[in-house]
mmCIF file of all heavy atoms, coordinates in Angstrom:
data_MODEL
# 
_entry.id   MODEL 
# 
loop_
_atom_site.group_PDB 
_atom_site.id 
_atom_site.type_symbol 
_atom_site.label_atom_id 
_atom_site.label_alt_id 
_atom_site.label_comp_id 
_atom_site.label_asym_id 
_atom_site.label_entity_id 
_atom_site.label_seq_id 
_atom_site.pdbx_PDB_ins_code 
_atom_site.Cartn_x 
_atom_site.Cartn_y 
_atom_site.Cartn_z 
_atom_site.occupancy 
_atom_site.B_iso_or_equiv 
_atom_site.pdbx_formal_charge 
_atom_site.auth_seq_id 
_atom_site.auth_comp_id 
_atom_site.auth_asym_id 
_atom_site.auth_atom_id 
_atom_site.pdbx_PDB_model_num 
ATOM 1   N N   . VAL A 1 1  ? -22.006 62.947 -74.745 1.00 0.00 ? 1  VAL A N   1 
ATOM 2   C CA  . VAL A 1 1  ? -20.747 63.695 -74.743 1.00 0.00 ? 1  VAL A CA  1 
ATOM 3   C C   . VAL A 1 1  ? -19.866 63.242 -75.909 1.00 0.00 ? 1  VAL A C   1 
ATOM 4   O O   . VAL A 1 1  ? -19.260 64.065 -76.610 1.00 0.00 ? 1  VAL A O   1 
ATOM 5   C CB  . VAL A 1 1  ? -20.024 63.502 -73.393 1.00 0.00 ? 1  VAL A CB  1 
ATOM 6   C CG1 . VAL A 1 1  ? -18.600 64.067 -73.461 1.00 0.00 ? 1  VAL A CG1 1 
ATOM 7   C CG2 . VAL A 1 1  ? -20.811 64.173 -72.276 1.00 0.00 ? 1  VAL A CG2 1 
ATOM 8   N N   . ARG A 1 2  ? -19.783 61.922 -76.118 1.00 0.00 ? 2  ARG A N   1 
ATOM 9   C CA  . ARG A 1 2  ? -18.974 61.402 -77.221 1.00 0.00 ? 2  ARG A CA  1 
ATOM 10  C C   . ARG A 1 2  ? -19.483 61.892 -78.566 1.00 0.00 ? 2  ARG A C   1 
ATOM 11  O O   . ARG A 1 2  ? -18.715 62.325 -79.430 1.00 0.00 ? 2  ARG A O   1 
ATOM 12  C CB  . ARG A 1 2  ? -18.983 59.873 -77.195 1.00 0.00 ? 2  ARG A CB  1 
ATOM 13  C CG  . ARG A 1 2  ? -18.189 59.214 -78.338 1.00 0.00 ? 2  ARG A CG  1 
ATOM 14  C CD  . ARG A 1 2  ? -18.691 57.813 -78.607 1.00 0.00 ? 2  ARG A CD  1 
ATOM 15  N NE  . ARG A 1 2  ? -20.069 57.833 -79.075 1.00 0.00 ? 2  ARG A NE  1 
ATOM 16  C CZ  . ARG A 1 2  ? -20.931 56.821 -78.898 1.00 0.00 ? 2  ARG A CZ  1 
ATOM 17  N NH1 . ARG A 1 2  ? -20.561 55.740 -78.228 1.00 0.00 ? 2  ARG A NH1 1 
ATOM 18  N NH2 . ARG A 1 2  ? -22.160 56.918 -79.365 1.00 0.00 ? 2  ARG A NH2 1 
ATOM 19  N N   . GLU A 1 3  ? -20.803 61.823 -78.790 1.00 0.00 ? 3  GLU A N   1 
ATOM 20  C CA  . GLU A 1 3  ? -21.381 62.240 -80.066 1.00 0.00 ? 3  GLU A CA  1 
ATOM 21  C C   . GLU A 1 3  ? -21.161 63.727 -80.309 1.00 0.00 ? 3  GLU A C   1 
ATOM 22  O O   . GLU A 1 3  ? -20.922 64.154 -81.435 1.00 0.00 ? 3  GLU A O   1 
ATOM 23  C CB  . GLU A 1 3  ? -22.885 61.911 -80.094 1.00 0.00 ? 3  GLU A CB  1 
ATOM 24  C CG  . GLU A 1 3  ? -23.200 60.437 -80.181 1.00 0.00 ? 3  GLU A CG  1 
ATOM 25  C CD  . GLU A 1 3  ? -22.743 59.818 -81.481 1.00 0.00 ? 3  GLU A CD  1 
ATOM 26  O OE1 . GLU A 1 3  ? -22.842 60.483 -82.538 1.00 0.00 ? 3  GLU A OE1 1 
ATOM 27  O OE2 . GLU A 1 3  ? -22.283 58.657 -81.456 1.00 0.00 ? 3  GLU A OE2 1 
ATOM 28  N N   . CYS A 1 4  ? -21.226 64.516 -79.251 1.00 0.00 ? 4  CYS A N   1 
ATOM 29  C CA  . CYS A 1 4  ? -20.984 65.957 -79.389 1.00 0.00 ? 4  CYS A CA  1 
ATOM 30  C C   . CYS A 1 4  ? -19.534 66.206 -79.811 1.00 0.00 ? 4  CYS A C   1 
ATOM 31  O O   . CYS A 1 4  ? -19.253 67.093 -80.634 1.00 0.00 ? 4  CYS A O   1 
ATOM 32  C CB  . CYS A 1 4  ? -21.303 66.653 -78.079 1.00 0.00 ? 4  CYS A CB  1 
ATOM 33  S SG  . CYS A 1 4  ? -21.130 68.443 -78.145 1.00 0.00 ? 4  CYS A SG  1 
ATOM 34  N N   . PHE A 1 5  ? -18.614 65.416 -79.260 1.00 0.00 ? 5  PHE A N   1 
ATOM 35  C CA  . PHE A 1 5  ? -17.206 65.546 -79.631 1.00 0.00 ? 5  PHE A CA  1 
ATOM 36  C C   . PHE A 1 5  ? -17.005 65.168 -81.106 1.00 0.00 ? 5  PHE A C   1 
ATOM 37  O O   . PHE A 1 5  ? -16.330 65.873 -81.861 1.00 0.00 ? 5  PHE A O   1 
ATOM 38  C CB  . PHE A 1 5  ? -16.352 64.660 -78.723 1.00 0.00 ? 5  PHE A CB  1 
ATOM 39  C CG  . PHE A 1 5  ? -14.870 64.828 -78.915 1.00 0.00 ? 5  PHE A CG  1 
ATOM 40  C CD1 . PHE A 1 5  ? -14.309 66.062 -79.220 1.00 0.00 ? 5  PHE A CD1 1 
ATOM 41  C CD2 . PHE A 1 5  ? -14.027 63.734 -78.775 1.00 0.00 ? 5  PHE A CD2 1 
ATOM 42  C CE1 . PHE A 1 5  ? -12.931 66.213 -79.380 1.00 0.00 ? 5  PHE A CE1 1 
ATOM 43  C CE2 . PHE A 1 5  ? -12.651 63.869 -78.943 1.00 0.00 ? 5  PHE A CE2 1 
ATOM 44  C CZ  . PHE A 1 5  ? -12.111 65.112 -79.252 1.00 0.00 ? 5  PHE A CZ  1 
ATOM 45  N N   . GLU A 1 6  ? -17.602 64.057 -81.523 1.00 0.00 ? 6  GLU A N   1 
ATOM 46  C CA  . GLU A 1 6  ? -17.470 63.597 -82.903 1.00 0.00 ? 6  GLU A CA  1 
ATOM 47  C C   . GLU A 1 6  ? -18.054 64.597 -83.897 1.00 0.00 ? 6  GLU A C   1 
ATOM 48  O O   . GLU A 1 6  ? -17.426 64.962 -84.885 1.00 0.00 ? 6  GLU A O   1 
ATOM 49  C CB  . GLU A 1 6  ? -18.173 62.250 -83.085 1.00 0.00 ? 6  GLU A CB  1 
ATOM 50  C CG  . GLU A 1 6  ? -17.509 61.059 -82.435 1.00 0.00 ? 6  GLU A CG  1 
ATOM 51  C CD  . GLU A 1 6  ? -18.249 59.778 -82.779 1.00 0.00 ? 6  GLU A CD  1 
ATOM 52  O OE1 . GLU A 1 6  ? -18.988 59.767 -83.792 1.00 0.00 ? 6  GLU A OE1 1 
ATOM 53  O OE2 . GLU A 1 6  ? -18.091 58.781 -82.053 1.00 0.00 ? 6  GLU A OE2 1 
ATOM 54  N N   . GLU A 1 7  ? -19.279 65.019 -83.632 1.00 0.00 ? 7  GLU A N   1 
ATOM 55  C CA  . GLU A 1 7  ? -20.042 65.779 -84.629 1.00 0.00 ? 7  GLU A CA  1 
ATOM 56  C C   . GLU A 1 7  ? -19.776 67.282 -84.578 1.00 0.00 ? 7  GLU A C   1 
ATOM 57  O O   . GLU A 1 7  ? -19.847 67.958 -85.613 1.00 0.00 ? 7  GLU A O   1 
ATOM 58  C CB  . GLU A 1 7  ? -21.541 65.513 -84.447 1.00 0.00 ? 7  GLU A CB  1 
ATOM 59  C CG  . GLU A 1 7  ? -21.933 64.067 -84.717 1.00 0.00 ? 7  GLU A CG  1 
ATOM 60  C CD  . GLU A 1 7  ? -23.434 63.856 -84.640 1.00 0.00 ? 7  GLU A CD  1 
ATOM 61  O OE1 . GLU A 1 7  ? -24.148 64.815 -84.268 1.00 0.00 ? 7  GLU A OE1 1 
ATOM 62  O OE2 . GLU A 1 7  ? -23.899 62.744 -84.943 1.00 0.00 ? 7  GLU A OE2 1 
ATOM 63  N N   . ALA A 1 8  ? -19.495 67.803 -83.383 1.00 0.00 ? 8  ALA A N   1 
ATOM 64  C CA  . ALA A 1 8  ? -19.331 69.257 -83.253 1.00 0.00 ? 8  ALA A CA  1 
ATOM 65  C C   . ALA A 1 8  ? -17.933 69.668 -82.833 1.00 0.00 ? 8  ALA A C   1 
ATOM 66  O O   . ALA A 1 8  ? -17.618 70.862 -82.813 1.00 0.00 ? 8  ALA A O   1 
ATOM 67  C CB  . ALA A 1 8  ? -20.347 69.804 -82.249 1.00 0.00 ? 8  ALA A CB  1 
ATOM 68  N N   . GLY A 1 9  ? -17.083 68.695 -82.463 1.00 0.00 ? 9  GLY A N   1 
ATOM 69  C CA  . GLY A 1 9  ? -15.721 69.036 -82.053 1.00 0.00 ? 9  GLY A CA  1 
ATOM 70  C C   . GLY A 1 9  ? -15.625 69.648 -80.680 1.00 0.00 ? 9  GLY A C   1 
ATOM 71  O O   . GLY A 1 9  ? -14.603 70.237 -80.326 1.00 0.00 ? 9  GLY A O   1 
ATOM 72  N N   . VAL A 1 10 ? -16.673 69.532 -79.871 1.00 0.00 ? 10 VAL A N   1 
ATOM 73  C CA  . VAL A 1 10 ? -16.702 70.095 -78.521 1.00 0.00 ? 10 VAL A CA  1 
ATOM 74  C C   . VAL A 1 10 ? -16.739 68.942 -77.518 1.00 0.00 ? 10 VAL A C   1 
ATOM 75  O O   . VAL A 1 10 ? -17.610 68.072 -77.610 1.00 0.00 ? 10 VAL A O   1 
ATOM 76  C CB  . VAL A 1 10 ? -17.922 71.016 -78.327 1.00 0.00 ? 10 VAL A CB  1 
ATOM 77  C CG1 . VAL A 1 10 ? -18.021 71.476 -76.879 1.00 0.00 ? 10 VAL A CG1 1 
ATOM 78  C CG2 . VAL A 1 10 ? -17.850 72.213 -79.265 1.00 0.00 ? 10 VAL A CG2 1 
ATOM 79  N N   . LEU A 1 11 ? -15.794 68.937 -76.580 1.00 0.00 ? 11 LEU A N   1 
ATOM 80  C CA  . LEU A 1 11 ? -15.725 67.877 -75.574 1.00 0.00 ? 11 LEU A CA  1 
ATOM 81  C C   . LEU A 1 11 ? -15.958 68.475 -74.185 1.00 0.00 ? 11 LEU A C   1 
ATOM 82  O O   . LEU A 1 11 ? -15.204 69.351 -73.733 1.00 0.00 ? 11 LEU A O   1 
ATOM 83  C CB  . LEU A 1 11 ? -14.363 67.187 -75.618 1.00 0.00 ? 11 LEU A CB  1 
ATOM 84  C CG  . LEU A 1 11 ? -14.155 66.051 -74.604 1.00 0.00 ? 11 LEU A CG  1 
ATOM 85  C CD1 . LEU A 1 11 ? -15.171 64.933 -74.824 1.00 0.00 ? 11 LEU A CD1 1 
ATOM 86  C CD2 . LEU A 1 11 ? -12.729 65.512 -74.677 1.00 0.00 ? 11 LEU A CD2 1 
ATOM 87  N N   . VAL A 1 12 ? -16.988 68.011 -73.528 1.00 0.00 ? 12 VAL A N   1 
ATOM 88  C CA  . VAL A 1 12 ? -17.299 68.442 -72.161 1.00 0.00 ? 12 VAL A CA  1 
ATOM 89  C C   . VAL A 1 12 ? -16.479 67.563 -71.220 1.00 0.00 ? 12 VAL A C   1 
ATOM 90  O O   . VAL A 1 12 ? -16.828 66.407 -70.972 1.00 0.00 ? 12 VAL A O   1 
ATOM 91  C CB  . VAL A 1 12 ? -18.804 68.320 -71.868 1.00 0.00 ? 12 VAL A CB  1 
ATOM 92  C CG1 . VAL A 1 12 ? -19.095 68.785 -70.442 1.00 0.00 ? 12 VAL A CG1 1 
ATOM 93  C CG2 . VAL A 1 12 ? -19.615 69.110 -72.872 1.00 0.00 ? 12 VAL A CG2 1 
ATOM 94  N N   . ALA A 1 13 ? -15.364 68.090 -70.741 1.00 0.00 ? 13 ALA A N   1 
ATOM 95  C CA  . ALA A 1 13 ? -14.450 67.308 -69.902 1.00 0.00 ? 13 ALA A CA  1 
ATOM 96  C C   . ALA A 1 13 ? -13.667 68.232 -68.983 1.00 0.00 ? 13 ALA A C   1 
ATOM 97  O O   . ALA A 1 13 ? -13.548 69.437 -69.238 1.00 0.00 ? 13 ALA A O   1 
ATOM 98  C CB  . ALA A 1 13 ? -13.494 66.494 -70.778 1.00 0.00 ? 13 ALA A CB  1 
ATOM 99  N N   . VAL A 1 14 ? -13.128 67.658 -67.910 1.00 0.00 ? 14 VAL A N   1 
ATOM 100 C CA  . VAL A 1 14 ? -12.299 68.399 -66.969 1.00 0.00 ? 14 VAL A CA  1 
ATOM 101 C C   . VAL A 1 14 ? -10.976 67.665 -66.789 1.00 0.00 ? 14 VAL A C   1 
ATOM 102 O O   . VAL A 1 14 ? -10.885 66.441 -66.974 1.00 0.00 ? 14 VAL A O   1 
ATOM 103 C CB  . VAL A 1 14 ? -12.992 68.575 -65.600 1.00 0.00 ? 14 VAL A CB  1 
ATOM 104 C CG1 . VAL A 1 14 ? -14.250 69.421 -65.737 1.00 0.00 ? 14 VAL A CG1 1 
ATOM 105 C CG2 . VAL A 1 14 ? -13.322 67.216 -64.972 1.00 0.00 ? 14 VAL A CG2 1 
ATOM 106 N N   . ASP A 1 15 ? -9.929  68.419 -66.452 1.00 0.00 ? 15 ASP A N   1 
ATOM 107 C CA  . ASP A 1 15 ? -8.622  67.796 -66.231 1.00 0.00 ? 15 ASP A CA  1 
ATOM 108 C C   . ASP A 1 15 ? -8.512  67.293 -64.792 1.00 0.00 ? 15 ASP A C   1 
ATOM 109 O O   . ASP A 1 15 ? -9.493  67.321 -64.035 1.00 0.00 ? 15 ASP A O   1 
ATOM 110 C CB  . ASP A 1 15 ? -7.497  68.769 -66.585 1.00 0.00 ? 15 ASP A CB  1 
ATOM 111 C CG  . ASP A 1 15 ? -7.501  70.032 -65.719 1.00 0.00 ? 15 ASP A CG  1 
ATOM 112 O OD1 . ASP A 1 15 ? -8.106  70.005 -64.621 1.00 0.00 ? 15 ASP A OD1 1 
ATOM 113 O OD2 . ASP A 1 15 ? -6.905  71.036 -66.137 1.00 0.00 ? 15 ASP A OD2 1 
ATOM 114 N N   . ALA A 1 16 ? -7.306  66.862 -64.432 1.00 0.00 ? 16 ALA A N   1 
ATOM 115 C CA  . ALA A 1 16 ? -7.115  66.271 -63.109 1.00 0.00 ? 16 ALA A CA  1 
ATOM 116 C C   . ALA A 1 16 ? -7.388  67.252 -61.977 1.00 0.00 ? 16 ALA A C   1 
ATOM 117 O O   . ALA A 1 16 ? -7.683  66.854 -60.841 1.00 0.00 ? 16 ALA A O   1 
ATOM 118 C CB  . ALA A 1 16 ? -5.684  65.736 -62.999 1.00 0.00 ? 16 ALA A CB  1 
ATOM 119 N N   . ASP A 1 17 ? -7.308  68.555 -62.268 1.00 0.00 ? 17 ASP A N   1 
ATOM 120 C CA  . ASP A 1 17 ? -7.590  69.572 -61.253 1.00 0.00 ? 17 ASP A CA  1 
ATOM 121 C C   . ASP A 1 17 ? -9.049  70.013 -61.257 1.00 0.00 ? 17 ASP A C   1 
ATOM 122 O O   . ASP A 1 17 ? -9.424  70.944 -60.532 1.00 0.00 ? 17 ASP A O   1 
ATOM 123 C CB  . ASP A 1 17 ? -6.696  70.793 -61.485 1.00 0.00 ? 17 ASP A CB  1 
ATOM 124 C CG  . ASP A 1 17 ? -5.223  70.464 -61.312 1.00 0.00 ? 17 ASP A CG  1 
ATOM 125 O OD1 . ASP A 1 17 ? -4.904  69.669 -60.407 1.00 0.00 ? 17 ASP A OD1 1 
ATOM 126 O OD2 . ASP A 1 17 ? -4.411  70.976 -62.102 1.00 0.00 ? 17 ASP A OD2 1 
ATOM 127 N N   . GLY A 1 18 ? -9.861  69.360 -62.094 1.00 0.00 ? 18 GLY A N   1 
ATOM 128 C CA  . GLY A 1 18 ? -11.280 69.717 -62.169 1.00 0.00 ? 18 GLY A CA  1 
ATOM 129 C C   . GLY A 1 18 ? -11.554 70.946 -62.998 1.00 0.00 ? 18 GLY A C   1 
ATOM 130 O O   . GLY A 1 18 ? -12.661 71.494 -62.944 1.00 0.00 ? 18 GLY A O   1 
ATOM 131 N N   . VAL A 1 19 ? -10.576 71.372 -63.798 1.00 0.00 ? 19 VAL A N   1 
ATOM 132 C CA  . VAL A 1 19 ? -10.734 72.556 -64.637 1.00 0.00 ? 19 VAL A CA  1 
ATOM 133 C C   . VAL A 1 19 ? -11.261 72.147 -66.007 1.00 0.00 ? 19 VAL A C   1 
ATOM 134 O O   . VAL A 1 19 ? -10.755 71.202 -66.626 1.00 0.00 ? 19 VAL A O   1 
ATOM 135 C CB  . VAL A 1 19 ? -9.390  73.299 -64.799 1.00 0.00 ? 19 VAL A CB  1 
ATOM 136 C CG1 . VAL A 1 19 ? -9.551  74.502 -65.720 1.00 0.00 ? 19 VAL A CG1 1 
ATOM 137 C CG2 . VAL A 1 19 ? -8.860  73.724 -63.432 1.00 0.00 ? 19 VAL A CG2 1 
ATOM 138 N N   . THR A 1 20 ? -12.269 72.852 -66.477 1.00 0.00 ? 20 THR A N   1 
ATOM 139 C CA  . THR A 1 20 ? -12.840 72.560 -67.792 1.00 0.00 ? 20 THR A CA  1 
ATOM 140 C C   . THR A 1 20 ? -11.797 72.801 -68.881 1.00 0.00 ? 20 THR A C   1 
ATOM 141 O O   . THR A 1 20 ? -11.126 73.835 -68.886 1.00 0.00 ? 20 THR A O   1 
ATOM 142 C CB  . THR A 1 20 ? -14.067 73.452 -68.056 1.00 0.00 ? 20 THR A CB  1 
ATOM 143 O OG1 . THR A 1 20 ? -15.021 73.262 -67.018 1.00 0.00 ? 20 THR A OG1 1 
ATOM 144 C CG2 . THR A 1 20 ? -14.699 73.115 -69.394 1.00 0.00 ? 20 THR A CG2 1 
ATOM 145 N N   . ILE A 1 21 ? -11.656 71.872 -69.794 1.00 0.00 ? 21 ILE A N   1 
ATOM 146 C CA  . ILE A 1 21 ? -10.652 72.022 -70.841 1.00 0.00 ? 21 ILE A CA  1 
ATOM 147 C C   . ILE A 1 21 ? -11.089 73.099 -71.832 1.00 0.00 ? 21 ILE A C   1 
ATOM 148 O O   . ILE A 1 21 ? -12.280 73.275 -72.112 1.00 0.00 ? 21 ILE A O   1 
ATOM 149 C CB  . ILE A 1 21 ? -10.388 70.696 -71.582 1.00 0.00 ? 21 ILE A CB  1 
ATOM 150 C CG1 . ILE A 1 21 ? -11.644 70.225 -72.331 1.00 0.00 ? 21 ILE A CG1 1 
ATOM 151 C CG2 . ILE A 1 21 ? -9.920  69.627 -70.612 1.00 0.00 ? 21 ILE A CG2 1 
ATOM 152 C CD1 . ILE A 1 21 ? -11.378 69.047 -73.258 1.00 0.00 ? 21 ILE A CD1 1 
ATOM 153 N N   . GLY A 1 22 ? -10.107 73.822 -72.347 1.00 0.00 ? 22 GLY A N   1 
ATOM 154 C CA  . GLY A 1 22 ? -10.376 74.908 -73.284 1.00 0.00 ? 22 GLY A CA  1 
ATOM 155 C C   . GLY A 1 22 ? -10.030 74.529 -74.707 1.00 0.00 ? 22 GLY A C   1 
ATOM 156 O O   . GLY A 1 22 ? -9.768  73.356 -75.032 1.00 0.00 ? 22 GLY A O   1 
ATOM 157 N N   . GLY A 1 23 ? -9.988  75.542 -75.565 1.00 0.00 ? 23 GLY A N   1 
ATOM 158 C CA  . GLY A 1 23 ? -9.798  75.299 -76.984 1.00 0.00 ? 23 GLY A CA  1 
ATOM 159 C C   . GLY A 1 23 ? -8.399  74.899 -77.381 1.00 0.00 ? 23 GLY A C   1 
ATOM 160 O O   . GLY A 1 23 ? -8.165  74.469 -78.518 1.00 0.00 ? 23 GLY A O   1 
ATOM 161 N N   . ASP A 1 24 ? -7.411  75.011 -76.468 1.00 0.00 ? 24 ASP A N   1 
ATOM 162 C CA  . ASP A 1 24 ? -6.033  74.669 -76.813 1.00 0.00 ? 24 ASP A CA  1 
ATOM 163 C C   . ASP A 1 24 ? -5.613  73.314 -76.251 1.00 0.00 ? 24 ASP A C   1 
ATOM 164 O O   . ASP A 1 24 ? -4.439  72.946 -76.319 1.00 0.00 ? 24 ASP A O   1 
ATOM 165 C CB  . ASP A 1 24 ? -5.084  75.748 -76.296 1.00 0.00 ? 24 ASP A CB  1 
ATOM 166 C CG  . ASP A 1 24 ? -5.198  75.947 -74.780 1.00 0.00 ? 24 ASP A CG  1 
ATOM 167 O OD1 . ASP A 1 24 ? -6.139  75.380 -74.169 1.00 0.00 ? 24 ASP A OD1 1 
ATOM 168 O OD2 . ASP A 1 24 ? -4.370  76.687 -74.213 1.00 0.00 ? 24 ASP A OD2 1 
ATOM 169 N N   . HIS A 1 25 ? -6.541  72.555 -75.702 1.00 0.00 ? 25 HIS A N   1 
ATOM 170 C CA  . HIS A 1 25 ? -6.179  71.263 -75.111 1.00 0.00 ? 25 HIS A CA  1 
ATOM 171 C C   . HIS A 1 25 ? -5.885  70.254 -76.219 1.00 0.00 ? 25 HIS A C   1 
ATOM 172 O O   . HIS A 1 25 ? -6.623  70.156 -77.198 1.00 0.00 ? 25 HIS A O   1 
ATOM 173 C CB  . HIS A 1 25 ? -7.297  70.749 -74.205 1.00 0.00 ? 25 HIS A CB  1 
ATOM 174 C CG  . HIS A 1 25 ? -6.850  69.674 -73.266 1.00 0.00 ? 25 HIS A CG  1 
ATOM 175 N ND1 . HIS A 1 25 ? -6.603  68.389 -73.670 1.00 0.00 ? 25 HIS A ND1 1 
ATOM 176 C CD2 . HIS A 1 25 ? -6.568  69.717 -71.927 1.00 0.00 ? 25 HIS A CD2 1 
ATOM 177 C CE1 . HIS A 1 25 ? -6.219  67.665 -72.626 1.00 0.00 ? 25 HIS A CE1 1 
ATOM 178 N NE2 . HIS A 1 25 ? -6.191  68.457 -71.554 1.00 0.00 ? 25 HIS A NE2 1 
# 
């Protein structure tokens, strides 16, 4: 997940409500 964030700018993560973060986070 970290490497994907570094290299592609995409982070697989959810907020405190369990909602997947979008492009404006």
